[in-house]
Structures are given as structure tokens and as C-alpha cells.
PDB file of N, CA and C in Angstrom:
ATOM      1  N   UNK A   1       0.834  -1.178   0.000  1.00  0.00           N
ATOM      2  CA  UNK A   1       0.000   0.000   0.000  1.00  0.00           C
ATOM      3  C   UNK A   1       0.876   1.238   0.000  1.00  0.00           C
ATOM      4  N   UNK A   2       0.336   2.278  -0.524  1.00  0.00           N
ATOM      5  CA  UNK A   2       1.109   3.509  -0.618  1.00  0.00           C
ATOM      6  C   UNK A   2       0.772   4.449   0.530  1.00  0.00           C
ATOM      7  N   UNK A   3       1.640   5.417   0.722  1.00  0.00           N
ATOM      8  CA  UNK A   3       1.381   6.434   1.730  1.00  0.00           C
ATOM      9  C   UNK A   3       0.145   7.253   1.380  1.00  0.00           C
ATOM     10  N   UNK A   4      -0.157   7.340   0.092  1.00  0.00           N
ATOM     11  CA  UNK A   4      -1.358   8.070  -0.323  1.00  0.00           C
ATOM     12  C   UNK A   4      -2.618   7.402   0.224  1.00  0.00           C
ATOM     13  N   UNK A   5      -2.620   6.083   0.249  1.00  0.00           N
ATOM     14  CA  UNK A   5      -3.777   5.363   0.792  1.00  0.00           C
ATOM     15  C   UNK A   5      -3.942   5.670   2.273  1.00  0.00           C
ATOM     16  N   UNK A   6      -2.825   5.674   3.015  1.00  0.00           N
ATOM     17  CA  UNK A   6      -2.883   5.988   4.441  1.00  0.00           C
ATOM     18  C   UNK A   6      -3.391   7.405   4.657  1.00  0.00           C
ATOM     19  N   UNK A   7      -2.876   8.324   3.870  1.00  0.00           N
ATOM     20  CA  UNK A   7      -3.282   9.721   3.985  1.00  0.00           C
ATOM     21  C   UNK A   7      -4.762   9.888   3.666  1.00  0.00           C
ATOM     22  N   UNK A   8      -5.216   9.219   2.622  1.00  0.00           N
ATOM     23  CA  UNK A   8      -6.616   9.338   2.216  1.00  0.00           C
ATOM     24  C   UNK A   8      -7.554   8.795   3.291  1.00  0.00           C
ATOM     25  N   UNK A   9      -7.235   7.633   3.827  1.00  0.00           N
ATOM     26  CA  UNK A   9      -8.084   7.060   4.874  1.00  0.00           C
ATOM     27  C   UNK A   9      -8.040   7.940   6.125  1.00  0.00           C
ATOM     28  N   UNK A  10      -6.872   8.483   6.443  1.00  0.00           N
ATOM     29  CA  UNK A  10      -6.772   9.395   7.584  1.00  0.00           C
ATOM     30  C   UNK A  10      -7.658  10.615   7.416  1.00  0.00           C
ATOM     31  N   UNK A  11      -7.676  11.152   6.224  1.00  0.00           N
ATOM     32  CA  UNK A  11      -8.539  12.312   5.962  1.00  0.00           C
ATOM     33  C   UNK A  11     -10.012  11.933   6.020  1.00  0.00           C
ATOM     34  N   UNK A  12     -10.346  10.741   5.528  1.00  0.00           N
ATOM     35  CA  UNK A  12     -11.734  10.278   5.618  1.00  0.00           C
ATOM     36  C   UNK A  12     -12.159  10.087   7.075  1.00  0.00           C
ATOM     37  N   UNK A  13     -11.231   9.615   7.907  1.00  0.00           N
ATOM     38  CA  UNK A  13     -11.519   9.474   9.334  1.00  0.00           C
ATOM     39  C   UNK A  13     -11.807  10.850   9.933  1.00  0.00           C
ATOM     40  N   UNK A  14     -10.969  11.834   9.601  1.00  0.00           N
ATOM     41  CA  UNK A  14     -11.174  13.191  10.107  1.00  0.00           C
ATOM     42  C   UNK A  14     -12.528  13.753   9.690  1.00  0.00           C
ATOM     43  N   UNK A  15     -12.973  13.390   8.497  1.00  0.00           N
ATOM     44  CA  UNK A  15     -14.258  13.870   7.988  1.00  0.00           C
ATOM     45  C   UNK A  15     -15.432  13.027   8.481  1.00  0.00           C
ATOM     46  N   UNK A  16     -15.136  11.922   9.154  1.00  0.00           N
ATOM     47  CA  UNK A  16     -16.191  11.032   9.631  1.00  0.00           C
ATOM     48  C   UNK A  16     -16.814  10.199   8.528  1.00  0.00           C
ATOM     49  N   UNK A  17     -16.085   9.988   7.437  1.00  0.00           N
ATOM     50  CA  UNK A  17     -16.618   9.264   6.284  1.00  0.00           C
ATOM     51  C   UNK A  17     -15.915   7.934   6.016  1.00  0.00           C
ATOM     52  N   UNK A  18     -14.992   7.546   6.868  1.00  0.00           N
ATOM     53  CA  UNK A  18     -14.202   6.336   6.612  1.00  0.00           C
ATOM     54  C   UNK A  18     -15.004   5.085   6.949  1.00  0.00           C
ATOM     55  N   UNK A  19     -14.941   4.112   6.073  1.00  0.00           N
ATOM     56  CA  UNK A  19     -15.565   2.816   6.335  1.00  0.00           C
ATOM     57  C   UNK A  19     -14.688   2.041   7.317  1.00  0.00           C
ATOM     58  N   UNK A  20     -15.290   1.323   8.255  1.00  0.00           N
ATOM     59  CA  UNK A  20     -14.493   0.535   9.202  1.00  0.00           C
ATOM     60  C   UNK A  20     -13.553  -0.453   8.503  1.00  0.00           C
ATOM     61  N   UNK A  21     -13.981  -0.973   7.357  1.00  0.00           N
ATOM     62  CA  UNK A  21     -13.141  -1.923   6.628  1.00  0.00           C
ATOM     63  C   UNK A  21     -11.870  -1.251   6.102  1.00  0.00           C
ATOM     64  N   UNK A  22     -11.980  -0.005   5.679  1.00  0.00           N
ATOM     65  CA  UNK A  22     -10.800   0.719   5.191  1.00  0.00           C
ATOM     66  C   UNK A  22      -9.816   0.946   6.326  1.00  0.00           C
ATOM     67  N   UNK A  23     -10.342   1.264   7.495  1.00  0.00           N
ATOM     68  CA  UNK A  23      -9.480   1.464   8.660  1.00  0.00           C
ATOM     69  C   UNK A  23      -8.791   0.154   9.029  1.00  0.00           C
ATOM     70  N   UNK A  24      -9.523  -0.946   9.001  1.00  0.00           N
ATOM     71  CA  UNK A  24      -8.933  -2.253   9.308  1.00  0.00           C
ATOM     72  C   UNK A  24      -7.842  -2.616   8.314  1.00  0.00           C
ATOM     73  N   UNK A  25      -8.084  -2.334   7.051  1.00  0.00           N
ATOM     74  CA  UNK A  25      -7.089  -2.631   6.020  1.00  0.00           C
ATOM     75  C   UNK A  25      -5.801  -1.859   6.269  1.00  0.00           C
ATOM     76  N   UNK A  26      -5.928  -0.580   6.572  1.00  0.00           N
ATOM     77  CA  UNK A  26      -4.756   0.266   6.813  1.00  0.00           C
ATOM     78  C   UNK A  26      -4.033  -0.169   8.085  1.00  0.00           C
ATOM     79  N   UNK A  27      -4.777  -0.415   9.170  1.00  0.00           N
ATOM     80  CA  UNK A  27      -4.153  -0.813  10.432  1.00  0.00           C
ATOM     81  C   UNK A  27      -3.446  -2.157  10.299  1.00  0.00           C
ATOM     82  N   UNK A  28      -4.090  -3.106   9.631  1.00  0.00           N
ATOM     83  CA  UNK A  28      -3.496  -4.439   9.457  1.00  0.00           C
ATOM     84  C   UNK A  28      -2.205  -4.351   8.650  1.00  0.00           C
ATOM     85  N   UNK A  29      -2.247  -3.598   7.574  1.00  0.00           N
ATOM     86  CA  UNK A  29      -1.077  -3.465   6.720  1.00  0.00           C
ATOM     87  C   UNK A  29       0.048  -2.712   7.434  1.00  0.00           C
ATOM     88  N   UNK A  30      -0.292  -1.647   8.141  1.00  0.00           N
ATOM     89  CA  UNK A  30       0.722  -0.841   8.827  1.00  0.00           C
ATOM     90  C   UNK A  30       1.428  -1.635   9.920  1.00  0.00           C
ATOM     91  N   UNK A  31       0.658  -2.345  10.731  1.00  0.00           N
ATOM     92  CA  UNK A  31       1.251  -3.132  11.810  1.00  0.00           C
ATOM     93  C   UNK A  31       2.131  -4.244  11.248  1.00  0.00           C
ATOM     94  N   UNK A  32       1.696  -4.880  10.180  1.00  0.00           N
ATOM     95  CA  UNK A  32       2.495  -5.937   9.559  1.00  0.00           C
ATOM     96  C   UNK A  32       3.796  -5.419   8.982  1.00  0.00           C
ATOM     97  N   UNK A  33       3.726  -4.282   8.298  1.00  0.00           N
ATOM     98  CA  UNK A  33       4.945  -3.697   7.734  1.00  0.00           C
ATOM     99  C   UNK A  33       5.909  -3.263   8.827  1.00  0.00           C
ATOM    100  N   UNK A  34       5.386  -2.646   9.886  1.00  0.00           N
ATOM    101  CA  UNK A  34       6.245  -2.201  10.981  1.00  0.00           C
ATOM    102  C   UNK A  34       6.966  -3.385  11.618  1.00  0.00           C
ATOM    103  N   UNK A  35       6.262  -4.484  11.807  1.00  0.00           N
ATOM    104  CA  UNK A  35       6.879  -5.674  12.393  1.00  0.00           C
ATOM    105  C   UNK A  35       7.935  -6.259  11.460  1.00  0.00           C
ATOM    106  N   UNK A  36       7.659  -6.305  10.177  1.00  0.00           N
ATOM    107  CA  UNK A  36       8.650  -6.793   9.208  1.00  0.00           C
ATOM    108  C   UNK A  36       9.911  -5.932   9.229  1.00  0.00           C
ATOM    109  N   UNK A  37       9.737  -4.626   9.297  1.00  0.00           N
ATOM    110  CA  UNK A  37      10.878  -3.708   9.318  1.00  0.00           C
ATOM    111  C   UNK A  37      11.675  -3.876  10.604  1.00  0.00           C
ATOM    112  N   UNK A  38      10.992  -4.028  11.742  1.00  0.00           N
ATOM    113  CA  UNK A  38      11.690  -4.220  13.013  1.00  0.00           C
ATOM    114  C   UNK A  38      12.479  -5.528  13.011  1.00  0.00           C
ATOM    115  N   UNK A  39      11.904  -6.579  12.446  1.00  0.00           N
ATOM    116  CA  UNK A  39      12.632  -7.851  12.350  1.00  0.00           C
ATOM    117  C   UNK A  39      13.852  -7.719  11.446  1.00  0.00           C
ATOM    118  N   UNK A  40      13.697  -6.992  10.354  1.00  0.00           N
ATOM    119  CA  UNK A  40      14.816  -6.783   9.445  1.00  0.00           C
ATOM    120  C   UNK A  40      15.922  -5.968  10.129  1.00  0.00           C
ATOM    121  N   UNK A  41      15.527  -4.961  10.906  1.00  0.00           N
ATOM    122  CA  UNK A  41      16.510  -4.150  11.632  1.00  0.00           C
ATOM    123  C   UNK A  41      17.265  -5.004  12.642  1.00  0.00           C
ATOM    124  N   UNK A  42      16.548  -5.893  13.326  1.00  0.00           N
ATOM    125  CA  UNK A  42      17.207  -6.794  14.275  1.00  0.00           C
ATOM    126  C   UNK A  42      18.227  -7.668  13.561  1.00  0.00           C
ATOM    127  N   UNK A  43      17.842  -8.206  12.408  1.00  0.00           N
ATOM    128  CA  UNK A  43      18.751  -9.055  11.641  1.00  0.00           C
ATOM    129  C   UNK A  43      19.958  -8.271  11.135  1.00  0.00           C
ATOM    130  N   UNK A  44      19.731  -7.051  10.699  1.00  0.00           N
ATOM    131  CA  UNK A  44      20.823  -6.224  10.165  1.00  0.00           C
ATOM    132  C   UNK A  44      21.841  -5.872  11.242  1.00  0.00           C
ATOM    133  N   UNK A  45      21.376  -5.737  12.488  1.00  0.00           N
ATOM    134  CA  UNK A  45      22.278  -5.385  13.580  1.00  0.00           C
ATOM    135  C   UNK A  45      23.017  -6.601  14.141  1.00  0.00           C
ATOM    136  N   UNK A  46      22.672  -7.784  13.681  1.00  0.00           N
ATOM    137  CA  UNK A  46      23.344  -8.990  14.164  1.00  0.00           C
ATOM    138  C   UNK A  46      23.140  -9.172  15.656  1.00  0.00           C
ATOM    139  N   UNK A  47      24.227  -9.452  16.367  1.00  0.00           N
ATOM    140  CA  UNK A  47      24.154  -9.648  17.815  1.00  0.00           C
ATOM    141  C   UNK A  47      23.715  -8.400  18.554  1.00  0.00           C
ATOM    142  N   UNK A  48      24.041  -7.235  18.001  1.00  0.00           N
ATOM    143  CA  UNK A  48      23.626  -5.989  18.639  1.00  0.00           C
ATOM    144  C   UNK A  48      22.119  -5.759  18.516  1.00  0.00           C
ATOM    145  N   UNK A  49      21.483  -6.483  17.618  1.00  0.00           N
ATOM    146  CA  UNK A  49      20.043  -6.329  17.438  1.00  0.00           C
ATOM    147  C   UNK A  49      19.233  -6.789  18.632  1.00  0.00           C
ATOM    148  N   UNK A  50      19.840  -7.607  19.482  1.00  0.00           N
ATOM    149  CA  UNK A  50      19.151  -8.068  20.683  1.00  0.00           C
ATOM    150  C   UNK A  50      19.743  -7.453  21.950  1.00  0.00           C
ATOM    151  N   UNK A  51      20.674  -6.525  21.787  1.00  0.00           N
ATOM    152  CA  UNK A  51      21.280  -5.840  22.932  1.00  0.00           C
ATOM    153  C   UNK A  51      20.429  -4.639  23.332  1.00  0.00           C
ATOM    154  N   UNK A  52      20.442  -4.327  24.613  1.00  0.00           N
ATOM    155  CA  UNK A  52      19.650  -3.205  25.126  1.00  0.00           C
ATOM    156  C   UNK A  52      20.143  -1.848  24.636  1.00  0.00           C
ATOM    157  N   UNK A  53      21.406  -1.755  24.268  1.00  0.00           N
ATOM    158  CA  UNK A  53      21.990  -0.455  23.927  1.00  0.00           C
ATOM    159  C   UNK A  53      21.402   0.174  22.677  1.00  0.00           C
ATOM    160  N   UNK A  54      20.903  -0.645  21.760  1.00  0.00           N
ATOM    161  CA  UNK A  54      20.445  -0.118  20.476  1.00  0.00           C
ATOM    162  C   UNK A  54      18.922  -0.023  20.356  1.00  0.00           C
ATOM    163  N   UNK A  55      18.189  -0.535  21.296  1.00  0.00           N
ATOM    164  CA  UNK A  55      16.722  -0.432  21.370  1.00  0.00           C
ATOM    165  C   UNK A  55      15.974  -1.098  20.219  1.00  0.00           C
ATOM    166  N   UNK A  56      16.673  -1.808  19.346  1.00  0.00           N
ATOM    167  CA  UNK A  56      16.001  -2.477  18.231  1.00  0.00           C
ATOM    168  C   UNK A  56      15.065  -3.556  18.759  1.00  0.00           C
ATOM    169  N   UNK A  57      15.547  -4.342  19.686  1.00  0.00           N
ATOM    170  CA  UNK A  57      14.741  -5.448  20.207  1.00  0.00           C
ATOM    171  C   UNK A  57      13.522  -4.932  20.968  1.00  0.00           C
ATOM    172  N   UNK A  58      13.664  -3.790  21.650  1.00  0.00           N
ATOM    173  CA  UNK A  58      12.528  -3.214  22.383  1.00  0.00           C
ATOM    174  C   UNK A  58      11.391  -2.870  21.428  1.00  0.00           C
ATOM    175  N   UNK A  59      11.737  -2.241  20.312  1.00  0.00           N
ATOM    176  CA  UNK A  59      10.714  -1.892  19.327  1.00  0.00           C
ATOM    177  C   UNK A  59      10.083  -3.148  18.720  1.00  0.00           C
ATOM    178  N   UNK A  60      10.914  -4.126  18.429  1.00  0.00           N
ATOM    179  CA  UNK A  60      10.387  -5.347  17.838  1.00  0.00           C
ATOM    180  C   UNK A  60       9.437  -6.064  18.800  1.00  0.00           C
ATOM    181  N   UNK A  61       9.813  -6.125  20.072  1.00  0.00           N
ATOM    182  CA  UNK A  61       8.958  -6.790  21.056  1.00  0.00           C
ATOM    183  C   UNK A  61       7.661  -6.022  21.292  1.00  0.00           C
ATOM    184  N   UNK A  62       7.719  -4.700  21.247  1.00  0.00           N
ATOM    185  CA  UNK A  62       6.484  -3.910  21.366  1.00  0.00           C
ATOM    186  C   UNK A  62       5.540  -4.218  20.208  1.00  0.00           C
ATOM    187  N   UNK A  63       6.087  -4.325  19.016  1.00  0.00           N
ATOM    188  CA  UNK A  63       5.258  -4.636  17.848  1.00  0.00           C
ATOM    189  C   UNK A  63       4.730  -6.064  17.899  1.00  0.00           C
ATOM    190  N   UNK A  64       5.529  -6.987  18.412  1.00  0.00           N
ATOM    191  CA  UNK A  64       5.056  -8.365  18.585  1.00  0.00           C
ATOM    192  C   UNK A  64       3.892  -8.402  19.570  1.00  0.00           C
ATOM    193  N   UNK A  65       3.981  -7.592  20.624  1.00  0.00           N
ATOM    194  CA  UNK A  65       2.899  -7.542  21.610  1.00  0.00           C
ATOM    195  C   UNK A  65       1.617  -7.017  20.973  1.00  0.00           C
ATOM    196  N   UNK A  66       1.735  -5.998  20.155  1.00  0.00           N
ATOM    197  CA  UNK A  66       0.556  -5.464  19.461  1.00  0.00           C
ATOM    198  C   UNK A  66      -0.052  -6.548  18.585  1.00  0.00           C
ATOM    199  N   UNK A  67       0.781  -7.253  17.874  1.00  0.00           N
ATOM    200  CA  UNK A  67       0.314  -8.296  16.962  1.00  0.00           C
ATOM    201  C   UNK A  67      -0.310  -9.472  17.712  1.00  0.00           C
ATOM    202  N   UNK A  68       0.277  -9.836  18.847  1.00  0.00           N
ATOM    203  CA  UNK A  68      -0.174 -11.008  19.589  1.00  0.00           C
ATOM    204  C   UNK A  68      -1.329 -10.694  20.533  1.00  0.00           C
ATOM    205  N   UNK A  69      -1.126  -9.752  21.431  1.00  0.00           N
ATOM    206  CA  UNK A  69      -2.113  -9.507  22.480  1.00  0.00           C
ATOM    207  C   UNK A  69      -3.331  -8.756  21.974  1.00  0.00           C
ATOM    208  N   UNK A  70      -3.142  -7.826  21.082  1.00  0.00           N
ATOM    209  CA  UNK A  70      -4.273  -7.070  20.564  1.00  0.00           C
ATOM    210  C   UNK A  70      -4.898  -7.749  19.356  1.00  0.00           C
ATOM    211  N   UNK A  71      -4.248  -8.784  18.837  1.00  0.00           N
ATOM    212  CA  UNK A  71      -4.797  -9.527  17.720  1.00  0.00           C
ATOM    213  C   UNK A  71      -4.933  -8.716  16.449  1.00  0.00           C
ATOM    214  N   UNK A  72      -4.068  -7.751  16.281  1.00  0.00           N
ATOM    215  CA  UNK A  72      -4.192  -6.826  15.159  1.00  0.00           C
ATOM    216  C   UNK A  72      -4.375  -7.536  13.831  1.00  0.00           C
ATOM    217  N   UNK A  73      -3.490  -8.433  13.514  1.00  0.00           N
ATOM    218  CA  UNK A  73      -3.517  -9.078  12.206  1.00  0.00           C
ATOM    219  C   UNK A  73      -4.769  -9.932  12.031  1.00  0.00           C
ATOM    220  N   UNK A  74      -5.042 -10.781  12.997  1.00  0.00           N
ATOM    221  CA  UNK A  74      -6.154 -11.727  12.872  1.00  0.00           C
ATOM    222  C   UNK A  74      -7.522 -11.048  12.942  1.00  0.00           C
ATOM    223  N   UNK A  75      -7.689 -10.132  13.870  1.00  0.00           N
ATOM    224  CA  UNK A  75      -8.986  -9.460  14.010  1.00  0.00           C
ATOM    225  C   UNK A  75      -9.305  -8.646  12.770  1.00  0.00           C
ATOM    226  N   UNK A  76      -8.328  -7.921  12.271  1.00  0.00           N
ATOM    227  CA  UNK A  76      -8.581  -7.117  11.071  1.00  0.00           C
ATOM    228  C   UNK A  76      -8.805  -8.001   9.848  1.00  0.00           C
ATOM    229  N   UNK A  77      -8.173  -9.171   9.816  1.00  0.00           N
ATOM    230  CA  UNK A  77      -8.436 -10.115   8.722  1.00  0.00           C
ATOM    231  C   UNK A  77      -9.886 -10.593   8.774  1.00  0.00           C
ATOM    232  N   UNK A  78     -10.405 -10.833   9.970  1.00  0.00           N
ATOM    233  CA  UNK A  78     -11.805 -11.250  10.109  1.00  0.00           C
ATOM    234  C   UNK A  78     -12.764 -10.136   9.696  1.00  0.00           C
ATOM    235  N   UNK A  79     -12.429  -8.906  10.048  1.00  0.00           N
ATOM    236  CA  UNK A  79     -13.273  -7.769   9.655  1.00  0.00           C
ATOM    237  C   UNK A  79     -13.297  -7.627   8.141  1.00  0.00           C
ATOM    238  N   UNK A  80     -12.134  -7.762   7.516  1.00  0.00           N
ATOM    239  CA  UNK A  80     -12.063  -7.660   6.054  1.00  0.00           C
ATOM    240  C   UNK A  80     -12.790  -8.826   5.387  1.00  0.00           C
ATOM    241  N   UNK A  81     -12.681 -10.015   5.963  1.00  0.00           N
ATOM    242  CA  UNK A  81     -13.394 -11.170   5.419  1.00  0.00           C
ATOM    243  C   UNK A  81     -14.898 -10.995   5.491  1.00  0.00           C
ATOM    244  N   UNK A  82     -15.374 -10.438   6.609  1.00  0.00           N
ATOM    245  CA  UNK A  82     -16.809 -10.183   6.751  1.00  0.00           C
ATOM    246  C   UNK A  82     -17.286  -9.171   5.711  1.00  0.00           C
ATOM    247  N   UNK A  83     -16.463  -8.163   5.436  1.00  0.00           N
ATOM    248  CA  UNK A  83     -16.842  -7.152   4.448  1.00  0.00           C
ATOM    249  C   UNK A  83     -16.941  -7.752   3.047  1.00  0.00           C
ATOM    250  N   UNK A  84     -16.093  -8.734   2.758  1.00  0.00           N
ATOM    251  CA  UNK A  84     -16.085  -9.329   1.423  1.00  0.00           C
ATOM    252  C   UNK A  84     -17.147 -10.406   1.245  1.00  0.00           C
ATOM    253  N   UNK A  85     -17.391 -11.192   2.305  1.00  0.00           N
ATOM    254  CA  UNK A  85     -18.301 -12.332   2.167  1.00  0.00           C
ATOM    255  C   UNK A  85     -19.673 -12.104   2.788  1.00  0.00           C
ATOM    256  N   UNK A  86     -19.734 -11.168   3.729  1.00  0.00           N
ATOM    257  CA  UNK A  86     -20.984 -10.952   4.444  1.00  0.00           C
ATOM    258  C   UNK A  86     -21.207 -11.941   5.572  1.00  0.00           C
ATOM    259  N   UNK A  87     -20.250 -12.829   5.810  1.00  0.00           N
ATOM    260  CA  UNK A  87     -20.365 -13.839   6.865  1.00  0.00           C
ATOM    261  C   UNK A  87     -19.645 -13.368   8.121  1.00  0.00           C
ATOM    262  N   UNK A  88     -20.325 -13.470   9.249  1.00  0.00           N
ATOM    263  CA  UNK A  88     -19.749 -13.077  10.531  1.00  0.00           C
ATOM    264  C   UNK A  88     -18.891 -14.227  11.050  1.00  0.00           C
ATOM    265  N   UNK A  89     -17.605 -13.992  11.256  1.00  0.00           N
ATOM    266  CA  UNK A  89     -16.705 -15.044  11.713  1.00  0.00           C
ATOM    267  C   UNK A  89     -16.465 -14.976  13.215  1.00  0.00           C
ATOM    268  N   UNK A  90     -16.888 -13.922  13.853  1.00  0.00           N
ATOM    269  CA  UNK A  90     -16.712 -13.786  15.297  1.00  0.00           C
ATOM    270  C   UNK A  90     -17.939 -13.091  15.878  1.00  0.00           C
ATOM    271  N   UNK A  91     -18.170 -13.321  17.171  1.00  0.00           N
ATOM    272  CA  UNK A  91     -19.362 -12.755  17.814  1.00  0.00           C
ATOM    273  C   UNK A  91     -18.998 -11.994  19.046  1.00  0.00           C
TER     274      UNK A  91
END
């Protein structure tokens, strides 16, 4: 997704016109990309990627917590699936 998509959905949110599915799509994609980038940064730093001095691991673990505990990826996937199929996958 492009930054233009994020900007457009953000503006629609400000105007009160954003569809919940669009917000889920943006949030799911953003959280996934951030986690991928944090993992790549950890790998690029080698052994220092898990050291406290560089804070790479702290950011990666924070993003893992968002993905795991808040269910960002899975919940937004269910919301998007409901929008496409009309079937409720969670109650």
C-alpha cells in the first residue's frame, strides 16, 4: 500500500466518512509492515540487534505484543473477510 492510501483514509476518518473496513485494512497493513521492518533491523544489527543499547529489540517486542495480544492481524483479517463475504466469523 502507498502512503497516499494511508493519507486518504486518515482524511476520511477526520471527515467522519471512513468505512471501518478501510481502517482495518490500513491498520493491518501498517502493523504488519512495521513488524517486518523491526525484524529486518534486528537481523541487520546482528548480535547488537538483541542488545539493550540499540533499542532495536525493544521496538520489535512492542510490535510483537501489538500483533499477539491485541490480535491486530487476525482481528482485522476477520473484519475484512466479513466485508467481502458478508459472513460473521466472530461474535
